Protein backbone atom coordinates (compact mmCIF):
# COMPACT_ATOMS: atom_id res chain seq x y z
CA MET A 1 0.00 0.00 0.00
CA ALA A 2 1.36 3.40 -0.94
CA ILE A 3 1.20 6.03 1.80
CA PRO A 4 1.89 9.73 1.11
CA GLU A 5 5.40 10.56 2.29
CA PRO A 6 4.49 13.15 4.99
CA LEU A 7 2.02 10.69 6.52
CA GLU A 8 4.47 7.81 6.33
CA ASP A 9 6.85 9.55 8.75
CA ASP A 10 4.06 10.34 11.22
CA LEU A 11 2.74 6.80 10.98
CA ALA A 12 6.19 5.37 11.64
CA LYS A 13 6.39 7.39 14.89
CA ILE A 14 3.42 5.47 16.30
CA GLY A 15 4.56 2.04 15.16
CA GLY A 16 3.13 1.90 11.67
CA ILE A 17 -0.15 0.21 10.80
CA GLU A 18 0.16 -2.17 13.77
CA GLY A 19 0.70 0.75 16.15
CA LEU A 20 -2.36 2.45 14.72
CA LYS A 21 -4.42 -0.72 15.17
CA GLY A 22 -3.26 -0.81 18.79
CA LEU A 23 -4.98 2.51 19.42
CA ILE A 24 -8.41 0.94 18.91
CA PRO A 25 -9.90 -0.59 22.08
CA ASP A 26 -11.32 -4.11 21.97
CA ASP A 27 -14.96 -4.67 21.03
CA ASP A 28 -16.17 -5.01 24.65
CA ASP A 29 -14.62 -1.68 25.62
CA LEU A 30 -16.09 -0.04 22.52
CA ASP A 31 -19.54 -1.46 23.32
CA HIS A 32 -19.31 0.02 26.83
CA LEU A 33 -18.16 3.38 25.47
CA SER A 34 -20.91 3.36 22.85
CA GLY A 35 -23.48 2.68 25.59
CA ARG A 36 -22.15 5.63 27.55
CA PHE A 37 -22.53 7.94 24.56
CA LYS A 38 -26.06 6.63 23.92
CA ALA A 39 -26.93 7.33 27.56
CA LEU A 40 -25.66 10.88 27.20
CA ALA A 41 -27.63 11.44 23.99
CA ASP A 42 -30.99 11.80 25.75
CA PRO A 43 -31.99 15.24 27.13
CA MET A 44 -33.85 13.74 30.12
CA ARG A 45 -30.77 11.77 31.16
CA LEU A 46 -28.64 14.88 30.81
CA LYS A 47 -31.07 16.67 33.12
CA ILE A 48 -30.69 13.89 35.67
CA LEU A 49 -26.90 14.16 35.54
CA LEU A 50 -27.12 17.93 35.98
CA LEU A 51 -29.43 17.49 38.98
CA LEU A 52 -26.91 15.13 40.58
CA ALA A 53 -23.95 17.46 39.97
CA PRO A 54 -24.31 19.34 43.29
CA GLY A 55 -24.71 16.10 45.25
CA PRO A 56 -26.70 12.89 45.83
CA LEU A 57 -30.50 12.88 45.54
CA CYS A 58 -33.33 10.45 46.15
CA VAL A 59 -35.81 9.44 43.45
CA CYS A 60 -38.60 11.51 44.96
CA VAL A 61 -36.63 14.74 44.54
CA ILE A 62 -35.54 13.92 40.98
CA ARG A 63 -39.12 12.99 40.05
CA GLU A 64 -40.50 16.20 41.57
CA VAL A 65 -38.05 18.41 39.68
CA LEU A 66 -38.47 16.64 36.34
CA GLY A 67 -42.20 15.99 36.62
CA ILE A 68 -42.09 12.54 35.00
CA ALA A 69 -43.74 9.25 35.90
CA ASP A 70 -41.94 6.75 38.12
CA SER A 71 -41.68 4.21 35.31
CA ARG A 72 -39.99 6.69 32.94
CA LEU A 73 -37.63 7.89 35.65
CA SER A 74 -36.75 4.32 36.55
CA TYR A 75 -35.95 3.59 32.91
CA HIS A 76 -33.64 6.61 32.60
CA LEU A 77 -31.91 5.88 35.91
CA ASN A 78 -31.25 2.30 34.81
CA VAL A 79 -29.75 3.45 31.51
CA LEU A 80 -27.45 5.83 33.39
CA LYS A 81 -26.48 3.11 35.89
CA LYS A 82 -25.77 0.61 33.11
CA ALA A 83 -23.51 3.21 31.47
CA ASP A 84 -21.71 3.65 34.82
CA LEU A 85 -22.59 7.35 34.94
CA ILE A 86 -24.53 7.17 38.23
CA THR A 87 -24.75 4.83 41.17
CA GLY A 88 -27.64 4.07 43.50
CA GLU A 89 -27.10 3.25 47.16
CA GLN A 90 -29.85 1.77 49.33
CA GLN A 91 -30.33 3.77 52.55
CA GLY A 92 -33.24 2.31 54.46
CA THR A 93 -36.27 2.44 52.19
CA TRP A 94 -34.61 5.04 49.94
CA ILE A 95 -32.23 4.74 47.03
CA ILE A 96 -29.85 7.65 46.91
CA TYR A 97 -28.36 8.38 43.50
CA SER A 98 -25.06 10.09 42.85
CA LEU A 99 -22.65 10.66 39.99
CA THR A 100 -19.82 8.22 39.43
CA PRO A 101 -16.41 9.59 38.49
CA ALA A 102 -17.32 8.86 34.84
CA GLY A 103 -20.57 10.82 35.28
CA GLY A 104 -18.64 13.76 36.70
CA ARG A 105 -16.20 13.66 33.78
CA ALA A 106 -19.11 13.56 31.33
CA LEU A 107 -20.57 16.70 32.91
CA SER A 108 -17.19 18.40 32.81
CA PHE A 109 -16.98 17.64 29.12
CA LEU A 110 -20.48 19.03 28.54
CA GLU A 111 -19.62 22.25 30.34
CA GLU A 112 -16.67 22.80 27.99
CA THR A 113 -18.90 22.80 24.90
């Protein structure tokens, strides 16, 4: 395969074609990353992340602020948990939700745009 000369030098610095292939995560990691981006693509889930930015909240507070049905909120919370953007901790009869480090980084990224 012929590669333009200026690119050939840059490509050699990273180990050639094999080095470039090594920059691509495995399929499981890409599936997880893709799920995270899909979770962030929904405005309601972004609202939930923004609500959790100042600190942990229970479902009743999140529901009251967003004004959505329990079933819809449960769905969105599960998507965010599956994407490792939030965590839920049982405290008595309550589940308290908070951002994970990945959720905090996602919000930081959103604030930059």
